[in-house]
N, C-alpha and C. Protein backbone atom coordinates (compact mmCIF):
# COMPACT_ATOMS: atom_id res chain seq x y z
N MET A 1 12.17 -31.99 29.34
CA MET A 1 13.49 -32.05 28.86
C MET A 1 13.83 -30.83 27.94
N THR A 2 15.00 -30.26 28.15
CA THR A 2 15.47 -29.13 27.34
C THR A 2 15.55 -29.58 25.88
N SER A 3 15.11 -28.69 24.95
CA SER A 3 15.25 -29.07 23.53
C SER A 3 16.78 -29.11 23.17
N ASP A 4 17.08 -29.94 22.14
CA ASP A 4 18.48 -30.12 21.73
C ASP A 4 19.08 -28.75 21.34
N LEU A 5 18.27 -27.92 20.60
CA LEU A 5 18.81 -26.66 20.09
C LEU A 5 19.05 -25.72 21.25
N ALA A 6 18.18 -25.63 22.20
CA ALA A 6 18.30 -24.72 23.39
C ALA A 6 19.53 -25.18 24.18
N LEU A 7 19.71 -26.48 24.41
CA LEU A 7 20.86 -27.00 25.12
C LEU A 7 22.14 -26.62 24.40
N PHE A 8 22.17 -26.89 23.03
CA PHE A 8 23.29 -26.62 22.23
C PHE A 8 23.75 -25.16 22.37
N ARG A 9 22.76 -24.28 22.23
CA ARG A 9 23.06 -22.86 22.32
C ARG A 9 23.64 -22.44 23.68
N ARG A 10 23.02 -23.00 24.72
CA ARG A 10 23.49 -22.66 26.08
C ARG A 10 24.96 -23.11 26.27
N ARG A 11 25.24 -24.30 25.81
CA ARG A 11 26.61 -24.85 25.97
C ARG A 11 27.61 -24.10 25.10
N LEU A 12 27.14 -23.69 23.87
CA LEU A 12 27.98 -22.93 23.02
C LEU A 12 28.41 -21.63 23.62
N LEU A 13 27.43 -20.94 24.25
CA LEU A 13 27.70 -19.66 24.90
C LEU A 13 28.63 -19.85 26.14
N LYS A 14 28.47 -20.97 26.79
CA LYS A 14 29.25 -21.18 27.98
C LYS A 14 30.64 -21.66 27.67
N ASN A 15 30.79 -22.47 26.65
CA ASN A 15 32.12 -23.07 26.31
C ASN A 15 32.26 -23.17 24.78
N PRO A 16 32.44 -22.08 24.11
CA PRO A 16 32.55 -22.10 22.66
C PRO A 16 33.71 -22.88 22.12
N ARG A 17 34.81 -22.88 22.80
CA ARG A 17 35.98 -23.69 22.31
C ARG A 17 35.70 -25.16 22.31
N GLN A 18 35.03 -25.60 23.37
CA GLN A 18 34.78 -27.07 23.47
C GLN A 18 33.68 -27.51 22.46
N VAL A 19 32.60 -26.73 22.33
CA VAL A 19 31.52 -27.04 21.40
C VAL A 19 31.97 -26.89 19.93
N SER A 20 32.65 -25.79 19.66
CA SER A 20 33.32 -25.53 18.39
C SER A 20 32.48 -25.82 17.17
N ALA A 21 31.22 -25.35 17.15
CA ALA A 21 30.31 -25.38 15.99
C ALA A 21 29.33 -24.24 16.09
N VAL A 22 28.80 -23.84 14.95
CA VAL A 22 27.83 -22.75 15.01
C VAL A 22 26.39 -23.27 15.13
N ALA A 23 26.18 -24.53 14.84
CA ALA A 23 24.85 -25.12 14.90
C ALA A 23 24.97 -26.62 15.10
N PRO A 24 23.96 -27.28 15.61
CA PRO A 24 24.00 -28.73 15.72
C PRO A 24 24.09 -29.34 14.33
N SER A 25 24.65 -30.51 14.24
CA SER A 25 24.71 -31.22 12.94
C SER A 25 23.33 -31.49 12.43
N SER A 26 23.17 -31.44 11.09
CA SER A 26 21.87 -31.67 10.49
C SER A 26 21.52 -33.15 10.45
N GLN A 27 20.24 -33.48 10.25
CA GLN A 27 19.80 -34.84 10.07
C GLN A 27 20.42 -35.43 8.84
N THR A 28 20.61 -34.64 7.79
CA THR A 28 21.22 -35.15 6.57
C THR A 28 22.67 -35.59 6.84
N LEU A 29 23.38 -34.79 7.61
CA LEU A 29 24.79 -35.21 7.94
C LEU A 29 24.75 -36.42 8.84
N ALA A 30 23.77 -36.52 9.76
CA ALA A 30 23.68 -37.67 10.62
C ALA A 30 23.46 -38.94 9.81
N ARG A 31 22.61 -38.87 8.77
CA ARG A 31 22.37 -40.00 7.94
C ARG A 31 23.58 -40.40 7.15
N ALA A 32 24.38 -39.36 6.68
CA ALA A 32 25.58 -39.63 5.92
C ALA A 32 26.64 -40.31 6.85
N MET A 33 26.70 -39.88 8.06
CA MET A 33 27.71 -40.43 9.02
C MET A 33 27.40 -41.83 9.40
N THR A 34 26.12 -42.22 9.33
CA THR A 34 25.72 -43.55 9.83
C THR A 34 25.37 -44.49 8.67
N LEU A 35 25.64 -44.09 7.46
CA LEU A 35 25.35 -44.93 6.28
C LEU A 35 26.05 -46.26 6.40
N GLY A 36 25.34 -47.34 6.22
CA GLY A 36 25.92 -48.71 6.29
C GLY A 36 25.86 -49.35 7.68
N LEU A 37 25.46 -48.56 8.71
CA LEU A 37 25.33 -49.19 10.03
C LEU A 37 24.04 -49.97 10.12
N GLY A 38 23.99 -50.98 11.00
CA GLY A 38 22.80 -51.72 11.19
C GLY A 38 23.02 -52.71 12.35
N PRO A 39 22.08 -53.58 12.56
CA PRO A 39 22.20 -54.55 13.67
C PRO A 39 23.45 -55.45 13.60
N GLN A 40 23.98 -55.53 12.38
CA GLN A 40 25.15 -56.42 12.16
C GLN A 40 26.49 -55.69 12.42
N SER A 41 26.41 -54.49 12.78
CA SER A 41 27.62 -53.66 12.91
C SER A 41 28.47 -54.00 14.12
N GLY A 42 27.87 -54.71 15.09
CA GLY A 42 28.62 -54.97 16.35
C GLY A 42 28.71 -53.75 17.21
N PRO A 43 29.66 -53.70 18.15
CA PRO A 43 29.80 -52.54 18.99
C PRO A 43 30.18 -51.29 18.22
N VAL A 44 29.55 -50.18 18.56
CA VAL A 44 29.82 -48.92 17.93
C VAL A 44 30.16 -47.88 18.97
N VAL A 45 31.15 -47.03 18.74
CA VAL A 45 31.55 -46.02 19.67
C VAL A 45 31.43 -44.66 19.01
N GLU A 46 30.95 -43.68 19.72
CA GLU A 46 30.83 -42.31 19.21
C GLU A 46 31.64 -41.37 20.12
N PHE A 47 32.48 -40.57 19.45
CA PHE A 47 33.25 -39.53 20.11
C PHE A 47 32.58 -38.21 19.94
N GLY A 48 32.33 -37.51 21.00
CA GLY A 48 31.81 -36.13 20.95
C GLY A 48 30.36 -36.05 20.48
N PRO A 49 29.46 -36.78 21.07
CA PRO A 49 28.07 -36.83 20.61
C PRO A 49 27.28 -35.54 20.80
N GLY A 50 27.70 -34.64 21.74
CA GLY A 50 26.96 -33.40 21.94
C GLY A 50 25.56 -33.62 22.36
N THR A 51 24.57 -33.15 21.63
CA THR A 51 23.15 -33.31 21.95
C THR A 51 22.62 -34.68 21.49
N GLY A 52 23.39 -35.43 20.72
CA GLY A 52 22.92 -36.78 20.33
C GLY A 52 22.33 -36.90 18.96
N ARG A 53 22.61 -35.99 18.01
CA ARG A 53 22.04 -36.10 16.69
C ARG A 53 22.52 -37.35 15.98
N PHE A 54 23.82 -37.59 16.05
CA PHE A 54 24.40 -38.82 15.43
C PHE A 54 23.96 -40.08 16.22
N THR A 55 23.86 -39.90 17.52
CA THR A 55 23.47 -41.01 18.38
C THR A 55 22.06 -41.53 17.97
N ALA A 56 21.19 -40.59 17.76
CA ALA A 56 19.77 -40.96 17.37
C ALA A 56 19.82 -41.66 15.96
N ALA A 57 20.67 -41.17 15.10
CA ALA A 57 20.77 -41.81 13.77
C ALA A 57 21.34 -43.18 13.80
N ILE A 58 22.33 -43.37 14.68
CA ILE A 58 22.96 -44.70 14.88
C ILE A 58 21.87 -45.70 15.33
N LEU A 59 21.11 -45.30 16.36
CA LEU A 59 20.09 -46.18 16.85
C LEU A 59 18.99 -46.40 15.81
N ALA A 60 18.63 -45.40 15.04
CA ALA A 60 17.61 -45.53 14.01
C ALA A 60 18.09 -46.51 12.90
N ARG A 61 19.33 -46.67 12.71
CA ARG A 61 19.83 -47.68 11.75
C ARG A 61 19.74 -49.10 12.24
N GLY A 62 19.38 -49.27 13.53
CA GLY A 62 19.20 -50.61 14.03
C GLY A 62 20.23 -51.08 14.97
N VAL A 63 21.21 -50.22 15.25
CA VAL A 63 22.24 -50.62 16.32
C VAL A 63 21.58 -50.64 17.66
N PRO A 64 21.63 -51.83 18.38
CA PRO A 64 21.00 -51.91 19.70
C PRO A 64 21.67 -50.97 20.72
N PRO A 65 20.89 -50.37 21.59
CA PRO A 65 21.49 -49.42 22.59
C PRO A 65 22.64 -50.02 23.36
N GLU A 66 22.50 -51.29 23.67
CA GLU A 66 23.61 -51.90 24.44
C GLU A 66 24.87 -52.05 23.67
N ASN A 67 24.84 -51.87 22.36
CA ASN A 67 26.07 -51.93 21.55
C ASN A 67 26.67 -50.59 21.24
N LEU A 68 26.16 -49.54 21.88
CA LEU A 68 26.58 -48.15 21.58
C LEU A 68 27.21 -47.54 22.86
N THR A 69 28.42 -47.01 22.72
CA THR A 69 29.11 -46.31 23.81
C THR A 69 29.53 -44.96 23.37
N LEU A 70 29.28 -43.93 24.18
CA LEU A 70 29.54 -42.51 23.87
C LEU A 70 30.64 -41.96 24.80
N PHE A 71 31.48 -41.09 24.24
CA PHE A 71 32.44 -40.37 24.98
C PHE A 71 32.19 -38.89 24.81
N GLU A 72 31.84 -38.24 25.91
CA GLU A 72 31.47 -36.83 25.89
C GLU A 72 32.09 -36.14 27.13
N LEU A 73 32.70 -34.95 26.91
CA LEU A 73 33.33 -34.22 28.05
C LEU A 73 32.35 -33.31 28.84
N ASP A 74 31.40 -32.72 28.11
CA ASP A 74 30.56 -31.76 28.69
C ASP A 74 29.49 -32.40 29.63
N GLU A 75 29.49 -32.01 30.90
CA GLU A 75 28.63 -32.62 31.88
C GLU A 75 27.19 -32.47 31.60
N GLU A 76 26.75 -31.34 31.03
CA GLU A 76 25.37 -31.13 30.73
C GLU A 76 24.94 -31.99 29.55
N PHE A 77 25.79 -32.08 28.54
CA PHE A 77 25.50 -32.95 27.40
C PHE A 77 25.44 -34.40 27.92
N VAL A 78 26.31 -34.80 28.83
CA VAL A 78 26.28 -36.13 29.35
C VAL A 78 24.97 -36.49 30.05
N ALA A 79 24.51 -35.57 30.92
CA ALA A 79 23.23 -35.77 31.59
C ALA A 79 22.08 -35.90 30.57
N HIS A 80 22.16 -35.02 29.55
CA HIS A 80 21.07 -35.03 28.52
C HIS A 80 21.09 -36.35 27.78
N LEU A 81 22.30 -36.83 27.39
CA LEU A 81 22.41 -38.14 26.63
C LEU A 81 21.87 -39.28 27.43
N ARG A 82 22.27 -39.32 28.74
CA ARG A 82 21.82 -40.44 29.59
C ARG A 82 20.35 -40.45 29.74
N GLN A 83 19.73 -39.29 29.79
CA GLN A 83 18.27 -39.24 29.92
C GLN A 83 17.56 -39.62 28.59
N LYS A 84 18.10 -39.13 27.51
CA LYS A 84 17.51 -39.29 26.18
C LYS A 84 17.68 -40.66 25.59
N PHE A 85 18.79 -41.33 25.94
CA PHE A 85 19.09 -42.64 25.26
C PHE A 85 19.33 -43.72 26.36
N PRO A 86 18.31 -44.22 26.98
CA PRO A 86 18.44 -45.26 28.02
C PRO A 86 19.01 -46.52 27.34
N GLY A 87 19.92 -47.15 28.07
CA GLY A 87 20.51 -48.36 27.53
C GLY A 87 21.85 -48.15 26.87
N VAL A 88 22.09 -46.85 26.47
CA VAL A 88 23.43 -46.50 25.83
C VAL A 88 24.38 -46.17 26.94
N THR A 89 25.60 -46.64 26.81
CA THR A 89 26.62 -46.33 27.79
C THR A 89 27.23 -44.99 27.44
N VAL A 90 27.25 -44.08 28.45
CA VAL A 90 27.80 -42.72 28.23
C VAL A 90 28.92 -42.52 29.24
N HIS A 91 30.19 -42.31 28.71
CA HIS A 91 31.28 -41.94 29.53
C HIS A 91 31.59 -40.46 29.52
N GLN A 92 31.70 -39.88 30.67
CA GLN A 92 32.17 -38.48 30.75
C GLN A 92 33.67 -38.53 30.77
N ALA A 93 34.25 -38.60 29.61
CA ALA A 93 35.72 -38.85 29.47
C ALA A 93 36.12 -38.44 28.11
N PRO A 94 37.39 -38.10 27.91
CA PRO A 94 37.88 -37.80 26.56
C PRO A 94 38.00 -39.02 25.71
N ALA A 95 37.93 -38.81 24.43
CA ALA A 95 38.07 -39.95 23.47
C ALA A 95 39.33 -40.71 23.65
N GLN A 96 40.39 -40.01 24.09
CA GLN A 96 41.70 -40.66 24.28
C GLN A 96 41.64 -41.77 25.34
N GLU A 97 40.60 -41.75 26.16
CA GLU A 97 40.48 -42.80 27.22
C GLU A 97 39.73 -44.03 26.72
N ALA A 98 39.35 -44.09 25.44
CA ALA A 98 38.55 -45.15 24.94
C ALA A 98 39.20 -46.51 25.11
N ALA A 99 40.50 -46.63 24.84
CA ALA A 99 41.19 -47.95 24.99
C ALA A 99 41.14 -48.45 26.43
N ARG A 100 41.15 -47.57 27.34
CA ARG A 100 41.09 -47.95 28.80
C ARG A 100 39.70 -48.42 29.19
N LEU A 101 38.67 -47.85 28.54
CA LEU A 101 37.30 -48.10 29.02
C LEU A 101 36.53 -49.11 28.14
N ILE A 102 37.02 -49.39 26.94
CA ILE A 102 36.40 -50.31 26.00
C ILE A 102 37.21 -51.58 26.05
N THR A 103 36.64 -52.70 26.35
CA THR A 103 37.35 -53.90 26.55
C THR A 103 37.18 -54.88 25.32
N GLN A 104 36.37 -54.54 24.41
CA GLN A 104 36.15 -55.37 23.19
C GLN A 104 36.46 -54.57 21.93
N GLN A 105 36.77 -55.27 20.87
CA GLN A 105 36.97 -54.62 19.58
C GLN A 105 35.62 -54.09 19.03
N VAL A 106 35.65 -52.96 18.41
CA VAL A 106 34.44 -52.38 17.88
C VAL A 106 34.47 -52.33 16.38
N GLY A 107 33.32 -52.29 15.71
CA GLY A 107 33.23 -52.25 14.30
C GLY A 107 33.36 -50.91 13.68
N VAL A 108 32.83 -49.91 14.38
CA VAL A 108 32.81 -48.48 13.83
C VAL A 108 33.02 -47.53 15.01
N VAL A 109 33.83 -46.49 14.72
CA VAL A 109 33.93 -45.32 15.59
C VAL A 109 33.47 -44.11 14.76
N ILE A 110 32.50 -43.43 15.28
CA ILE A 110 31.95 -42.21 14.60
C ILE A 110 32.36 -40.99 15.45
N SER A 111 32.97 -40.02 14.84
CA SER A 111 33.44 -38.89 15.56
C SER A 111 32.82 -37.55 15.10
N GLY A 112 32.24 -36.85 16.06
CA GLY A 112 31.75 -35.49 15.81
C GLY A 112 32.69 -34.47 16.38
N LEU A 113 33.89 -34.84 16.72
CA LEU A 113 34.89 -33.94 17.30
C LEU A 113 35.47 -33.03 16.20
N PRO A 114 35.73 -31.74 16.61
CA PRO A 114 36.28 -30.79 15.62
C PRO A 114 37.78 -30.94 15.49
N LEU A 115 38.23 -31.97 14.80
CA LEU A 115 39.64 -32.31 14.75
C LEU A 115 40.53 -31.13 14.22
N LEU A 116 40.01 -30.45 13.23
CA LEU A 116 40.83 -29.40 12.61
C LEU A 116 41.13 -28.24 13.53
N SER A 117 40.33 -28.04 14.56
CA SER A 117 40.55 -26.97 15.56
C SER A 117 41.39 -27.42 16.74
N MET A 118 41.84 -28.65 16.71
CA MET A 118 42.57 -29.18 17.89
C MET A 118 44.08 -29.18 17.56
N PRO A 119 44.89 -29.08 18.62
CA PRO A 119 46.35 -29.20 18.43
C PRO A 119 46.72 -30.58 17.90
N GLU A 120 47.77 -30.62 17.13
CA GLU A 120 48.17 -31.86 16.49
C GLU A 120 48.27 -33.08 17.43
N PRO A 121 48.95 -32.93 18.60
CA PRO A 121 49.06 -34.07 19.54
C PRO A 121 47.65 -34.60 19.98
N VAL A 122 46.75 -33.73 20.21
CA VAL A 122 45.43 -34.11 20.62
C VAL A 122 44.74 -34.88 19.51
N ARG A 123 44.83 -34.31 18.32
CA ARG A 123 44.19 -34.94 17.13
C ARG A 123 44.76 -36.35 16.92
N GLN A 124 46.09 -36.45 17.04
CA GLN A 124 46.74 -37.76 16.86
C GLN A 124 46.31 -38.77 17.90
N GLY A 125 46.19 -38.25 19.17
CA GLY A 125 45.78 -39.13 20.25
C GLY A 125 44.38 -39.62 20.08
N ILE A 126 43.49 -38.81 19.56
CA ILE A 126 42.13 -39.22 19.37
C ILE A 126 41.99 -40.34 18.30
N VAL A 127 42.68 -40.11 17.16
CA VAL A 127 42.65 -41.08 16.08
C VAL A 127 43.38 -42.36 16.46
N ALA A 128 44.48 -42.28 17.17
CA ALA A 128 45.16 -43.47 17.62
C ALA A 128 44.28 -44.26 18.57
N ALA A 129 43.55 -43.59 19.48
CA ALA A 129 42.69 -44.27 20.38
C ALA A 129 41.53 -45.01 19.63
N ALA A 130 41.04 -44.41 18.54
CA ALA A 130 40.01 -45.02 17.75
C ALA A 130 40.53 -46.34 17.15
N PHE A 131 41.70 -46.31 16.59
CA PHE A 131 42.27 -47.49 15.98
C PHE A 131 42.77 -48.52 16.95
N GLU A 132 42.97 -48.12 18.23
CA GLU A 132 43.34 -49.09 19.28
C GLU A 132 42.12 -49.95 19.62
N ILE A 133 40.91 -49.47 19.48
CA ILE A 133 39.71 -50.24 19.87
C ILE A 133 38.98 -50.84 18.63
N LEU A 134 39.36 -50.38 17.44
CA LEU A 134 38.71 -50.89 16.25
C LEU A 134 39.20 -52.25 15.89
N ALA A 135 38.29 -53.15 15.43
CA ALA A 135 38.64 -54.42 14.88
C ALA A 135 39.43 -54.19 13.63
N PRO A 136 40.18 -55.24 13.17
CA PRO A 136 41.10 -55.08 12.00
C PRO A 136 40.40 -54.52 10.78
N ARG A 137 39.12 -54.76 10.54
CA ARG A 137 38.42 -54.25 9.38
C ARG A 137 37.45 -53.12 9.76
N GLY A 138 37.66 -52.59 10.99
CA GLY A 138 36.77 -51.49 11.46
C GLY A 138 37.01 -50.20 10.72
N ARG A 139 36.01 -49.31 10.87
CA ARG A 139 36.07 -47.97 10.19
C ARG A 139 35.98 -46.83 11.19
N TYR A 140 36.73 -45.84 10.92
CA TYR A 140 36.69 -44.57 11.70
C TYR A 140 36.02 -43.53 10.77
N LEU A 141 34.92 -42.97 11.18
CA LEU A 141 34.19 -41.96 10.37
C LEU A 141 34.31 -40.64 11.06
N GLN A 142 34.68 -39.65 10.25
CA GLN A 142 34.89 -38.26 10.71
C GLN A 142 34.33 -37.27 9.69
N PHE A 143 33.65 -36.29 10.12
CA PHE A 143 33.27 -35.23 9.18
C PHE A 143 34.10 -33.99 9.44
N THR A 144 34.19 -33.17 8.40
CA THR A 144 34.92 -31.91 8.55
C THR A 144 34.24 -30.87 7.66
N TYR A 145 34.48 -29.60 8.08
CA TYR A 145 33.94 -28.47 7.27
C TYR A 145 35.00 -28.04 6.23
N GLY A 146 36.21 -28.61 6.30
CA GLY A 146 37.24 -28.22 5.37
C GLY A 146 37.15 -28.94 4.04
N ASN A 147 38.08 -28.61 3.14
CA ASN A 147 38.09 -29.29 1.80
C ASN A 147 39.08 -30.44 1.72
N ARG A 148 39.76 -30.73 2.82
CA ARG A 148 40.73 -31.85 2.83
C ARG A 148 40.40 -32.73 3.96
N PRO A 149 40.96 -33.93 3.96
CA PRO A 149 40.77 -34.80 5.14
C PRO A 149 41.20 -34.12 6.38
N PRO A 150 40.58 -34.42 7.52
CA PRO A 150 40.89 -33.76 8.80
C PRO A 150 42.16 -34.25 9.40
N LEU A 151 42.88 -35.18 8.73
CA LEU A 151 44.19 -35.65 9.13
C LEU A 151 45.21 -35.32 8.07
N PRO A 152 46.38 -34.85 8.45
CA PRO A 152 47.41 -34.59 7.42
C PRO A 152 47.88 -35.89 6.79
N PRO A 153 48.42 -35.78 5.56
CA PRO A 153 48.86 -36.99 4.86
C PRO A 153 49.91 -37.79 5.65
N GLU A 154 50.82 -37.06 6.30
CA GLU A 154 51.88 -37.72 7.05
C GLU A 154 51.35 -38.57 8.19
N LEU A 155 50.26 -38.10 8.83
CA LEU A 155 49.68 -38.84 9.96
C LEU A 155 48.90 -40.06 9.39
N ILE A 156 48.22 -39.87 8.31
CA ILE A 156 47.53 -40.95 7.64
C ILE A 156 48.50 -42.05 7.30
N ALA A 157 49.64 -41.65 6.71
CA ALA A 157 50.70 -42.62 6.35
C ALA A 157 51.31 -43.26 7.61
N ALA A 158 51.62 -42.44 8.61
CA ALA A 158 52.25 -43.00 9.82
C ALA A 158 51.36 -44.00 10.53
N LEU A 159 50.02 -43.82 10.47
CA LEU A 159 49.11 -44.77 11.08
C LEU A 159 48.76 -45.92 10.19
N GLY A 160 49.24 -45.89 8.97
CA GLY A 160 48.95 -46.96 8.00
C GLY A 160 47.55 -47.00 7.57
N LEU A 161 46.90 -45.80 7.32
CA LEU A 161 45.48 -45.78 7.06
C LEU A 161 45.21 -45.44 5.58
N THR A 162 44.03 -45.83 5.10
CA THR A 162 43.49 -45.35 3.84
C THR A 162 42.27 -44.51 4.14
N VAL A 163 42.00 -43.58 3.25
CA VAL A 163 40.89 -42.64 3.43
C VAL A 163 39.99 -42.67 2.25
N SER A 164 38.68 -42.70 2.45
CA SER A 164 37.68 -42.58 1.42
C SER A 164 36.88 -41.33 1.62
N ARG A 165 36.69 -40.55 0.60
CA ARG A 165 35.95 -39.31 0.70
C ARG A 165 34.54 -39.39 0.18
N GLY A 166 33.60 -38.95 0.95
CA GLY A 166 32.19 -38.95 0.51
C GLY A 166 31.81 -37.61 -0.10
N HIS A 167 30.63 -37.57 -0.58
CA HIS A 167 30.09 -36.31 -1.18
C HIS A 167 29.95 -35.22 -0.07
N LYS A 168 29.94 -34.04 -0.50
CA LYS A 168 29.71 -32.89 0.38
C LYS A 168 28.25 -32.91 0.82
N VAL A 169 28.00 -32.69 2.05
CA VAL A 169 26.63 -32.62 2.62
C VAL A 169 26.27 -31.13 2.70
N TRP A 170 25.58 -30.66 1.72
CA TRP A 170 25.28 -29.22 1.61
C TRP A 170 24.18 -28.83 2.63
N ALA A 171 23.29 -29.78 2.98
CA ALA A 171 22.20 -29.50 3.92
C ALA A 171 22.70 -29.53 5.38
N ASN A 172 23.76 -28.79 5.64
CA ASN A 172 24.31 -28.68 6.95
C ASN A 172 24.89 -27.31 7.11
N LEU A 173 25.01 -26.77 8.32
CA LEU A 173 25.48 -25.41 8.55
C LEU A 173 26.67 -25.47 9.46
N PRO A 174 27.95 -25.22 8.89
CA PRO A 174 28.23 -25.07 7.47
C PRO A 174 28.27 -26.42 6.70
N PRO A 175 28.30 -26.39 5.40
CA PRO A 175 28.39 -27.67 4.65
C PRO A 175 29.58 -28.52 5.16
N ALA A 176 29.34 -29.82 5.15
CA ALA A 176 30.39 -30.74 5.71
C ALA A 176 30.62 -31.91 4.74
N ARG A 177 31.78 -32.53 4.91
CA ARG A 177 32.12 -33.74 4.13
C ARG A 177 32.50 -34.88 5.12
N VAL A 178 32.06 -36.10 4.75
CA VAL A 178 32.34 -37.27 5.53
C VAL A 178 33.61 -37.99 5.01
N TYR A 179 34.44 -38.39 5.86
CA TYR A 179 35.60 -39.20 5.50
C TYR A 179 35.59 -40.48 6.28
N ARG A 180 35.96 -41.59 5.60
CA ARG A 180 36.04 -42.89 6.25
C ARG A 180 37.51 -43.37 6.24
N PHE A 181 38.01 -43.73 7.38
CA PHE A 181 39.37 -44.18 7.49
C PHE A 181 39.38 -45.66 7.84
N ARG A 182 40.30 -46.39 7.24
CA ARG A 182 40.51 -47.84 7.57
C ARG A 182 42.00 -48.09 7.59
N ARG A 183 42.41 -49.25 8.19
CA ARG A 183 43.75 -49.70 8.11
C ARG A 183 43.99 -50.26 6.69
N GLY A 184 45.26 -50.17 6.22
CA GLY A 184 45.59 -50.78 4.95
C GLY A 184 46.17 -49.81 3.97
N ALA A 185 46.75 -50.33 2.93
CA ALA A 185 47.42 -49.51 1.94
C ALA A 185 46.57 -49.44 0.65
N THR A 186 46.73 -48.33 -0.05
CA THR A 186 46.04 -48.13 -1.31
C THR A 186 46.88 -47.29 -2.22
N ASP A 187 46.55 -47.27 -3.51
CA ASP A 187 47.35 -46.49 -4.47
C ASP A 187 47.04 -45.00 -4.40
N GLY A 188 45.94 -44.61 -3.74
CA GLY A 188 45.56 -43.20 -3.67
C GLY A 188 44.24 -43.07 -3.09
N PRO A 189 43.79 -41.85 -2.84
CA PRO A 189 42.48 -41.64 -2.22
C PRO A 189 41.33 -42.15 -3.14
N THR A 190 40.31 -42.66 -2.53
CA THR A 190 39.14 -43.12 -3.24
C THR A 190 37.92 -42.28 -2.82
N THR A 191 36.90 -42.36 -3.60
CA THR A 191 35.69 -41.59 -3.30
C THR A 191 34.51 -42.59 -3.17
N GLU A 192 33.76 -42.40 -2.05
CA GLU A 192 32.62 -43.21 -1.85
C GLU A 192 31.38 -42.40 -2.24
N THR A 193 30.43 -43.09 -2.88
CA THR A 193 29.20 -42.40 -3.31
C THR A 193 28.09 -42.65 -2.35
N GLY A 194 27.09 -41.79 -2.40
CA GLY A 194 25.84 -41.99 -1.64
C GLY A 194 25.89 -41.44 -0.25
N LEU A 195 26.97 -40.78 0.20
CA LEU A 195 27.11 -40.38 1.58
C LEU A 195 26.26 -39.16 1.89
N SER A 196 25.75 -38.46 0.87
CA SER A 196 24.94 -37.23 1.22
C SER A 196 23.45 -37.47 1.24
N ARG A 197 23.05 -38.78 1.12
CA ARG A 197 21.62 -39.11 1.14
C ARG A 197 21.05 -38.92 2.54
């Protein structure tokens, strides 16, 4: 089996716009993105798993393979994920197709997609799809390399979401920050601790 790094580099050279990262996500970021997951999390969906760094962390938290569904566009990544993670459902489809392909409510959606580099309609469609499949108290987790949430305030307000900001994960190239989105109103942004562990 091709190493994750070799596969990542090959796909980056072939399709830099779709991969849209200079290096695979670090294990530290993967732990931060999956903090709080476990066997009790119910169905979990991952958007843009790439080589599967977050996927492996999700499973390491105790989420059963049959409770995990991945959405990945790159055909070589899809073949790699299917071989590496037996029992996990892998769709070669855009995240916006999630509501059509997921028939049950899910507890968590984890996204490795580069939202800030996407056109606004695409970004909005991805987040809307996530909240279409999420249970009422479900969470949408997204990391970004920027200093602000990867969604503009007007979109957060339009979707009726609250956002919690985690610590910066410095052990990543480039450094990244995790954001957690939920339905509901709040007086202002909150900060969650412990996300960089």
